[in-house]
Amino acid sequence: MLVVPCRSLLSAVASFQEQSSTLSSLRAAKARVVQQFERSYLIDVLTACDGNISLAARTAGKERRSFQRFLRKYNIAIEQFKQPVRKENQSALRNSA
């Protein structure tokens, strides 16, 4: 049977509690970094694809619905990534129709 003096036991418990709070902090820090990466990645992909969700989802290797869930998770509106149609392009589209 192992006999541990009270001080050593208290010290061991304090050390364990300290390690537990560090692990919790590490977990929280990792979650923050992952969230920052995901948000930044979504913005980069949408920018590169001019707000085209289908193309952005394919580029990211995700299904369109999964990609849209990510956008909702981070409150990212695709309107800000879509390129406005130029006036000369609008008239060309009207003439071809």
Protein backbone atom coordinates (compact mmCIF):
# COMPACT_ATOMS: atom_id res chain seq x y z
CA MET A 1 0.00 0.00 0.00
CA LEU A 2 1.28 3.43 -0.96
CA VAL A 3 1.14 6.05 1.75
CA VAL A 4 1.19 9.65 0.57
CA PRO A 5 1.66 12.45 3.11
CA CYS A 6 -1.22 14.96 3.21
CA ARG A 7 0.86 17.82 1.82
CA SER A 8 1.96 15.77 -1.16
CA LEU A 9 -1.62 14.73 -1.76
CA LEU A 10 -2.85 18.32 -1.63
CA SER A 11 -0.02 19.36 -3.90
CA ALA A 12 -0.87 16.57 -6.35
CA VAL A 13 -4.56 17.58 -6.36
CA ALA A 14 -3.63 21.23 -6.91
CA SER A 15 -1.31 20.24 -9.74
CA PHE A 16 -4.01 18.11 -11.34
CA GLN A 17 -6.55 20.95 -11.09
CA GLU A 18 -4.03 23.32 -12.63
CA GLN A 19 -3.43 20.90 -15.51
CA SER A 20 -7.17 20.45 -16.00
CA SER A 21 -7.73 24.18 -16.30
CA THR A 22 -4.80 24.42 -18.74
CA LEU A 23 -6.31 21.66 -20.86
CA SER A 24 -9.63 23.41 -20.81
CA SER A 25 -7.96 26.63 -21.89
CA LEU A 26 -6.07 24.79 -24.62
CA ARG A 27 -9.33 23.29 -25.86
CA ALA A 28 -10.97 26.71 -25.89
CA ALA A 29 -7.97 28.26 -27.66
CA LYS A 30 -8.00 25.52 -30.29
CA ALA A 31 -11.72 26.01 -30.89
CA ARG A 32 -11.16 29.75 -31.39
CA VAL A 33 -8.35 29.15 -33.86
CA VAL A 34 -10.42 26.62 -35.82
CA GLN A 35 -13.36 29.06 -35.96
CA GLN A 36 -11.10 31.87 -37.16
CA PHE A 37 -9.61 29.60 -39.84
CA GLU A 38 -13.01 28.35 -41.04
CA ARG A 39 -14.44 31.86 -41.29
CA SER A 40 -11.37 33.18 -43.10
CA TYR A 41 -11.37 30.19 -45.47
CA LEU A 42 -15.06 30.64 -46.32
CA ILE A 43 -14.50 34.32 -47.08
CA ASP A 44 -11.47 33.54 -49.28
CA VAL A 45 -13.33 30.84 -51.24
CA LEU A 46 -16.41 33.01 -51.74
CA THR A 47 -14.25 35.91 -52.88
CA ALA A 48 -12.42 33.71 -55.38
CA CYS A 49 -15.73 32.33 -56.70
CA ASP A 50 -17.48 35.74 -56.88
CA GLY A 51 -20.14 34.60 -54.43
CA ASN A 52 -21.14 31.52 -56.46
CA ILE A 53 -22.09 29.06 -53.70
CA SER A 54 -22.08 25.95 -55.90
CA LEU A 55 -18.61 26.71 -57.23
CA ALA A 56 -17.32 27.68 -53.78
CA ALA A 57 -18.68 24.46 -52.27
CA ARG A 58 -17.00 22.36 -54.99
CA THR A 59 -13.76 24.27 -54.50
CA ALA A 60 -13.92 23.58 -50.75
CA GLY A 61 -14.75 19.92 -51.32
CA LYS A 62 -18.10 20.24 -49.54
CA GLU A 63 -21.67 19.60 -50.54
CA ARG A 64 -23.61 22.76 -51.30
CA ARG A 65 -25.93 22.30 -48.31
CA SER A 66 -23.01 21.72 -45.92
CA PHE A 67 -21.31 24.80 -47.28
CA GLN A 68 -24.46 26.86 -46.72
CA ARG A 69 -24.63 25.58 -43.12
CA PHE A 70 -21.09 26.85 -42.58
CA LEU A 71 -22.09 30.23 -43.98
CA ARG A 72 -25.06 30.42 -41.60
CA LYS A 73 -22.87 29.30 -38.68
CA TYR A 74 -20.58 32.28 -39.23
CA ASN A 75 -23.28 34.74 -40.38
CA ILE A 76 -21.67 35.25 -43.76
CA ALA A 77 -23.97 36.80 -46.38
CA ILE A 78 -23.05 35.92 -49.95
CA GLU A 79 -24.38 39.19 -51.38
CA GLN A 80 -21.20 40.99 -50.39
CA PHE A 81 -19.14 38.61 -52.56
CA LYS A 82 -21.19 38.77 -55.73
CA GLN A 83 -19.78 40.97 -58.45
CA PRO A 84 -22.23 43.61 -59.69
CA VAL A 85 -23.24 43.22 -63.33
CA ARG A 86 -21.79 46.05 -65.42
CA LYS A 87 -24.15 48.20 -67.50
CA GLU A 88 -22.62 47.09 -70.79
CA ASN A 89 -23.11 43.46 -69.74
CA GLN A 90 -26.73 44.16 -68.78
CA SER A 91 -27.52 45.64 -72.20
CA ALA A 92 -25.80 42.68 -73.92
CA LEU A 93 -27.90 40.30 -71.86
CA ARG A 94 -31.10 42.16 -72.78
CA ASN A 95 -30.22 42.18 -76.49
CA SER A 96 -29.51 38.45 -76.53
CA ALA A 97 -32.84 37.58 -74.89
